[in-house]
């Protein structure tokens, strides 16, 4: 299991110059599908519970210190999205992108070798 020297949240805040208390909102904005960001922010301002799954997952990955555990959490999130029947989330992809999160993790912790 590939261990990281610090938590995902700590590395994220360091790289993107955000305060720890701003981590979840900052990562949410960075990880939502680009085409959906304006609509996502509008929905979030009116119904924050719509993104409960996304924000819970962002919170959970923040404490992780392993690429393997991070990948497992993203895969679990992917499965939850498949079971979700909301057309906004599935058809229009108004949600956080697991691929974007994986890309961010690779920027924070590039593989050595």
N, C-alpha and C. Protein backbone atom coordinates (compact mmCIF):
# COMPACT_ATOMS: atom_id res chain seq x y z
N UNK A 1 0.84 -1.18 0.00
CA UNK A 1 0.00 0.00 0.00
C UNK A 1 0.89 1.25 0.00
N UNK A 2 0.67 2.11 -0.99
CA UNK A 2 1.47 3.33 -1.12
C UNK A 2 1.02 4.35 -0.08
N UNK A 3 1.88 4.66 0.85
CA UNK A 3 1.57 5.64 1.91
C UNK A 3 1.96 7.04 1.45
N UNK A 4 1.16 8.00 1.85
CA UNK A 4 1.46 9.40 1.59
C UNK A 4 2.09 10.01 2.83
N UNK A 5 2.95 11.01 2.67
CA UNK A 5 3.60 11.62 3.84
C UNK A 5 2.66 12.49 4.69
N UNK A 6 1.53 12.87 4.13
CA UNK A 6 0.55 13.69 4.86
C UNK A 6 -0.83 13.35 4.34
N UNK A 7 -1.84 13.84 5.02
CA UNK A 7 -3.20 13.55 4.60
C UNK A 7 -3.52 14.26 3.28
N UNK A 8 -4.51 13.75 2.60
CA UNK A 8 -4.94 14.37 1.34
C UNK A 8 -5.33 15.82 1.59
N UNK A 9 -6.08 16.06 2.64
CA UNK A 9 -6.53 17.43 2.96
C UNK A 9 -5.35 18.36 3.19
N UNK A 10 -4.37 17.91 3.98
CA UNK A 10 -3.20 18.75 4.25
C UNK A 10 -2.44 19.07 2.97
N UNK A 11 -2.25 18.06 2.13
CA UNK A 11 -1.53 18.26 0.87
C UNK A 11 -2.32 19.17 -0.07
N UNK A 12 -3.63 18.97 -0.11
CA UNK A 12 -4.48 19.80 -0.97
C UNK A 12 -4.40 21.26 -0.54
N UNK A 13 -4.57 21.51 0.73
CA UNK A 13 -4.56 22.89 1.23
C UNK A 13 -3.20 23.56 1.00
N UNK A 14 -2.15 22.78 1.14
CA UNK A 14 -0.81 23.33 0.89
C UNK A 14 -0.64 23.69 -0.58
N UNK A 15 -1.01 22.80 -1.47
CA UNK A 15 -0.82 23.03 -2.91
C UNK A 15 -1.70 24.15 -3.45
N UNK A 16 -2.97 24.17 -3.01
CA UNK A 16 -3.92 25.13 -3.56
C UNK A 16 -4.14 26.34 -2.66
N UNK A 17 -3.31 26.48 -1.65
CA UNK A 17 -3.29 27.67 -0.79
C UNK A 17 -4.67 28.00 -0.22
N UNK A 18 -5.27 26.99 0.39
CA UNK A 18 -6.56 27.24 1.03
C UNK A 18 -6.45 26.90 2.51
N UNK A 19 -7.23 27.59 3.30
CA UNK A 19 -7.28 27.31 4.73
C UNK A 19 -7.98 25.96 4.94
N UNK A 20 -7.58 25.21 5.96
CA UNK A 20 -8.23 23.91 6.21
C UNK A 20 -9.75 23.99 6.30
N UNK A 21 -10.27 25.09 6.85
CA UNK A 21 -11.72 25.21 6.95
C UNK A 21 -12.40 25.46 5.60
N UNK A 22 -11.61 25.81 4.58
CA UNK A 22 -12.15 26.03 3.23
C UNK A 22 -11.94 24.83 2.32
N UNK A 23 -11.30 23.79 2.83
CA UNK A 23 -10.95 22.62 2.02
C UNK A 23 -12.15 22.02 1.28
N UNK A 24 -13.23 21.73 1.98
CA UNK A 24 -14.36 21.02 1.35
C UNK A 24 -14.98 21.84 0.23
N UNK A 25 -15.20 23.11 0.45
CA UNK A 25 -15.78 23.96 -0.59
C UNK A 25 -14.82 24.12 -1.77
N UNK A 26 -13.55 24.30 -1.47
CA UNK A 26 -12.56 24.46 -2.53
C UNK A 26 -12.46 23.20 -3.39
N UNK A 27 -12.38 22.05 -2.75
CA UNK A 27 -12.28 20.80 -3.51
C UNK A 27 -13.57 20.52 -4.26
N UNK A 28 -14.72 20.82 -3.67
CA UNK A 28 -15.99 20.64 -4.36
C UNK A 28 -15.98 21.42 -5.67
N UNK A 29 -15.62 22.68 -5.61
CA UNK A 29 -15.60 23.52 -6.82
C UNK A 29 -14.60 23.00 -7.86
N UNK A 30 -13.47 22.49 -7.41
CA UNK A 30 -12.45 21.99 -8.32
C UNK A 30 -12.83 20.64 -8.91
N UNK A 31 -13.62 19.84 -8.19
CA UNK A 31 -13.89 18.47 -8.60
C UNK A 31 -15.23 18.27 -9.32
N UNK A 32 -16.12 19.25 -9.26
CA UNK A 32 -17.39 19.13 -10.00
C UNK A 32 -17.08 19.18 -11.49
N UNK A 33 -17.83 18.40 -12.26
CA UNK A 33 -17.67 18.46 -13.72
C UNK A 33 -17.78 19.91 -14.16
N UNK A 34 -16.87 20.36 -15.01
CA UNK A 34 -16.80 21.76 -15.42
C UNK A 34 -18.10 22.27 -16.03
N UNK A 35 -18.72 21.47 -16.89
CA UNK A 35 -19.96 21.91 -17.53
C UNK A 35 -21.07 22.14 -16.51
N UNK A 36 -20.99 21.48 -15.37
CA UNK A 36 -22.06 21.51 -14.38
C UNK A 36 -21.82 22.50 -13.25
N UNK A 37 -20.66 23.12 -13.20
CA UNK A 37 -20.32 23.97 -12.05
C UNK A 37 -21.34 25.09 -11.79
N UNK A 38 -21.71 25.88 -12.79
CA UNK A 38 -22.69 26.95 -12.47
C UNK A 38 -24.01 26.40 -11.92
N UNK A 39 -24.53 25.35 -12.52
CA UNK A 39 -25.77 24.75 -12.04
C UNK A 39 -25.57 24.13 -10.66
N UNK A 40 -24.44 23.48 -10.45
CA UNK A 40 -24.15 22.85 -9.15
C UNK A 40 -24.12 23.91 -8.04
N UNK A 41 -23.48 25.02 -8.30
CA UNK A 41 -23.41 26.08 -7.28
C UNK A 41 -24.79 26.66 -7.01
N UNK A 42 -25.60 26.79 -8.04
CA UNK A 42 -26.96 27.29 -7.86
C UNK A 42 -27.79 26.31 -7.03
N UNK A 43 -27.72 25.02 -7.39
CA UNK A 43 -28.46 23.99 -6.64
C UNK A 43 -27.97 23.96 -5.19
N UNK A 44 -26.67 23.99 -5.00
CA UNK A 44 -26.09 23.92 -3.65
C UNK A 44 -26.55 25.09 -2.78
N UNK A 45 -26.71 26.25 -3.38
CA UNK A 45 -27.15 27.41 -2.60
C UNK A 45 -28.61 27.28 -2.17
N UNK A 46 -29.38 26.50 -2.89
CA UNK A 46 -30.80 26.33 -2.58
C UNK A 46 -31.12 25.04 -1.86
N UNK A 47 -30.34 23.99 -2.13
CA UNK A 47 -30.59 22.68 -1.52
C UNK A 47 -29.26 21.99 -1.23
N UNK A 48 -28.57 22.38 -0.15
CA UNK A 48 -27.26 21.80 0.16
C UNK A 48 -27.30 20.27 0.32
N UNK A 49 -28.44 19.72 0.68
CA UNK A 49 -28.53 18.26 0.86
C UNK A 49 -28.40 17.51 -0.46
N UNK A 50 -28.62 18.17 -1.57
CA UNK A 50 -28.48 17.53 -2.89
C UNK A 50 -27.07 16.96 -3.05
N UNK A 51 -26.09 17.61 -2.49
CA UNK A 51 -24.69 17.19 -2.63
C UNK A 51 -24.14 16.52 -1.37
N UNK A 52 -25.01 16.00 -0.52
CA UNK A 52 -24.57 15.36 0.72
C UNK A 52 -23.58 14.24 0.44
N UNK A 53 -23.86 13.37 -0.55
CA UNK A 53 -22.94 12.27 -0.89
C UNK A 53 -21.57 12.80 -1.28
N UNK A 54 -21.56 13.83 -2.11
CA UNK A 54 -20.30 14.41 -2.59
C UNK A 54 -19.50 15.00 -1.43
N UNK A 55 -20.17 15.77 -0.59
CA UNK A 55 -19.48 16.44 0.51
C UNK A 55 -19.01 15.45 1.58
N UNK A 56 -19.81 14.41 1.82
CA UNK A 56 -19.37 13.37 2.76
C UNK A 56 -18.12 12.68 2.24
N UNK A 57 -18.10 12.38 0.93
CA UNK A 57 -16.94 11.72 0.34
C UNK A 57 -15.71 12.64 0.39
N UNK A 58 -15.89 13.91 0.08
CA UNK A 58 -14.78 14.87 0.15
C UNK A 58 -14.23 14.94 1.57
N UNK A 59 -15.12 14.93 2.55
CA UNK A 59 -14.69 14.94 3.95
C UNK A 59 -13.89 13.68 4.27
N UNK A 60 -14.40 12.53 3.86
CA UNK A 60 -13.74 11.25 4.15
C UNK A 60 -12.36 11.15 3.51
N UNK A 61 -12.22 11.53 2.24
CA UNK A 61 -10.92 11.40 1.59
C UNK A 61 -9.90 12.37 2.17
N UNK A 62 -10.38 13.44 2.80
CA UNK A 62 -9.47 14.43 3.38
C UNK A 62 -8.54 13.85 4.43
N UNK A 63 -8.99 12.86 5.16
CA UNK A 63 -8.17 12.28 6.24
C UNK A 63 -7.25 11.16 5.76
N UNK A 64 -7.42 10.70 4.53
CA UNK A 64 -6.66 9.53 4.03
C UNK A 64 -5.21 9.87 3.76
N UNK A 65 -4.35 8.84 3.95
CA UNK A 65 -2.91 8.97 3.72
C UNK A 65 -2.40 7.85 2.84
N UNK A 66 -3.26 7.35 1.94
CA UNK A 66 -2.89 6.22 1.11
C UNK A 66 -3.62 6.29 -0.23
N UNK A 67 -2.90 6.09 -1.32
CA UNK A 67 -3.50 6.07 -2.65
C UNK A 67 -4.51 4.94 -2.77
N UNK A 68 -4.20 3.79 -2.19
CA UNK A 68 -5.11 2.64 -2.28
C UNK A 68 -6.43 2.91 -1.58
N UNK A 69 -6.38 3.47 -0.38
CA UNK A 69 -7.61 3.79 0.34
C UNK A 69 -8.38 4.90 -0.37
N UNK A 70 -7.65 5.85 -0.93
CA UNK A 70 -8.28 6.93 -1.68
C UNK A 70 -9.04 6.35 -2.87
N UNK A 71 -8.40 5.48 -3.62
CA UNK A 71 -9.03 4.84 -4.77
C UNK A 71 -10.26 4.04 -4.35
N UNK A 72 -10.17 3.34 -3.24
CA UNK A 72 -11.33 2.57 -2.74
C UNK A 72 -12.51 3.49 -2.43
N UNK A 73 -12.23 4.60 -1.81
CA UNK A 73 -13.30 5.55 -1.47
C UNK A 73 -13.93 6.12 -2.75
N UNK A 74 -13.12 6.42 -3.75
CA UNK A 74 -13.63 6.94 -5.02
C UNK A 74 -14.48 5.87 -5.71
N UNK A 75 -14.04 4.63 -5.66
CA UNK A 75 -14.82 3.54 -6.26
C UNK A 75 -16.16 3.36 -5.54
N UNK A 76 -16.15 3.47 -4.23
CA UNK A 76 -17.38 3.36 -3.44
C UNK A 76 -18.34 4.49 -3.83
N UNK A 77 -17.80 5.70 -3.97
CA UNK A 77 -18.58 6.86 -4.39
C UNK A 77 -19.18 6.62 -5.77
N UNK A 78 -18.39 6.06 -6.67
CA UNK A 78 -18.86 5.75 -8.02
C UNK A 78 -20.07 4.81 -7.96
N UNK A 79 -19.98 3.79 -7.12
CA UNK A 79 -21.08 2.85 -6.96
C UNK A 79 -22.34 3.52 -6.43
N UNK A 80 -22.17 4.44 -5.49
CA UNK A 80 -23.33 5.17 -4.96
C UNK A 80 -23.98 6.01 -6.05
N UNK A 81 -23.16 6.58 -6.93
CA UNK A 81 -23.70 7.38 -8.03
C UNK A 81 -24.47 6.52 -9.02
N UNK A 82 -24.03 5.30 -9.25
CA UNK A 82 -24.75 4.40 -10.15
C UNK A 82 -26.13 4.05 -9.61
N UNK A 83 -26.23 3.93 -8.30
CA UNK A 83 -27.51 3.58 -7.67
C UNK A 83 -28.44 4.79 -7.52
N UNK A 84 -27.90 5.98 -7.63
CA UNK A 84 -28.70 7.19 -7.46
C UNK A 84 -29.57 7.39 -8.70
N UNK A 85 -30.82 7.64 -8.51
CA UNK A 85 -31.75 7.78 -9.64
C UNK A 85 -31.99 9.23 -10.06
N UNK A 86 -31.27 10.16 -9.50
CA UNK A 86 -31.44 11.56 -9.87
C UNK A 86 -30.88 11.80 -11.28
N UNK A 87 -31.70 12.32 -12.15
CA UNK A 87 -31.25 12.61 -13.52
C UNK A 87 -30.17 13.69 -13.53
N UNK A 88 -30.26 14.61 -12.59
CA UNK A 88 -29.22 15.64 -12.53
C UNK A 88 -27.86 14.99 -12.29
N UNK A 89 -27.81 14.04 -11.37
CA UNK A 89 -26.54 13.40 -11.02
C UNK A 89 -26.07 12.42 -12.09
N UNK A 90 -26.98 11.64 -12.65
CA UNK A 90 -26.58 10.58 -13.57
C UNK A 90 -26.52 11.04 -15.02
N UNK A 91 -27.61 11.55 -15.54
CA UNK A 91 -27.68 11.94 -16.94
C UNK A 91 -26.88 13.22 -17.23
N UNK A 92 -27.08 14.23 -16.39
CA UNK A 92 -26.42 15.52 -16.62
C UNK A 92 -25.11 15.67 -15.86
N UNK A 93 -24.79 14.69 -15.03
CA UNK A 93 -23.53 14.65 -14.27
C UNK A 93 -23.28 15.93 -13.46
N UNK A 94 -24.30 16.34 -12.75
CA UNK A 94 -24.18 17.48 -11.82
C UNK A 94 -23.76 16.89 -10.49
N UNK A 95 -22.44 16.70 -10.38
CA UNK A 95 -21.87 16.04 -9.20
C UNK A 95 -20.36 16.16 -9.28
N UNK A 96 -19.72 15.69 -8.23
CA UNK A 96 -18.26 15.62 -8.19
C UNK A 96 -17.81 14.49 -9.11
N UNK A 97 -16.72 14.70 -9.80
CA UNK A 97 -16.15 13.70 -10.70
C UNK A 97 -15.06 12.91 -9.98
N UNK A 98 -15.23 11.60 -9.93
CA UNK A 98 -14.19 10.74 -9.35
C UNK A 98 -12.89 10.83 -10.12
N UNK A 99 -12.98 10.94 -11.43
CA UNK A 99 -11.76 11.06 -12.25
C UNK A 99 -11.01 12.35 -11.95
N UNK A 100 -11.76 13.42 -11.76
CA UNK A 100 -11.10 14.69 -11.40
C UNK A 100 -10.41 14.57 -10.05
N UNK A 101 -11.06 13.89 -9.10
CA UNK A 101 -10.43 13.68 -7.79
C UNK A 101 -9.17 12.84 -7.90
N UNK A 102 -9.21 11.79 -8.72
CA UNK A 102 -8.01 10.96 -8.90
C UNK A 102 -6.88 11.79 -9.53
N UNK A 103 -7.22 12.62 -10.49
CA UNK A 103 -6.22 13.47 -11.14
C UNK A 103 -5.59 14.43 -10.12
N UNK A 104 -6.41 14.99 -9.25
CA UNK A 104 -5.90 15.88 -8.21
C UNK A 104 -4.98 15.12 -7.27
N UNK A 105 -5.35 13.91 -6.89
CA UNK A 105 -4.50 13.12 -5.97
C UNK A 105 -3.15 12.82 -6.61
N UNK A 106 -3.14 12.58 -7.92
CA UNK A 106 -1.86 12.30 -8.61
C UNK A 106 -0.99 13.56 -8.68
N UNK A 107 -1.61 14.73 -8.75
CA UNK A 107 -0.84 15.97 -8.71
C UNK A 107 -0.23 16.18 -7.33
N UNK A 108 -1.00 15.85 -6.30
CA UNK A 108 -0.51 16.05 -4.94
C UNK A 108 0.56 15.05 -4.55
N UNK A 109 0.40 13.81 -5.02
CA UNK A 109 1.32 12.74 -4.66
C UNK A 109 1.76 11.98 -5.92
N UNK A 110 2.64 12.60 -6.73
CA UNK A 110 3.09 11.89 -7.93
C UNK A 110 3.87 10.63 -7.55
N UNK A 111 3.69 9.61 -8.37
CA UNK A 111 4.41 8.36 -8.10
C UNK A 111 5.89 8.54 -8.33
N UNK A 112 6.67 7.92 -7.50
CA UNK A 112 8.13 7.98 -7.60
C UNK A 112 8.60 6.74 -8.34
N UNK A 113 9.52 6.94 -9.26
CA UNK A 113 10.08 5.77 -9.95
C UNK A 113 9.82 5.69 -11.38
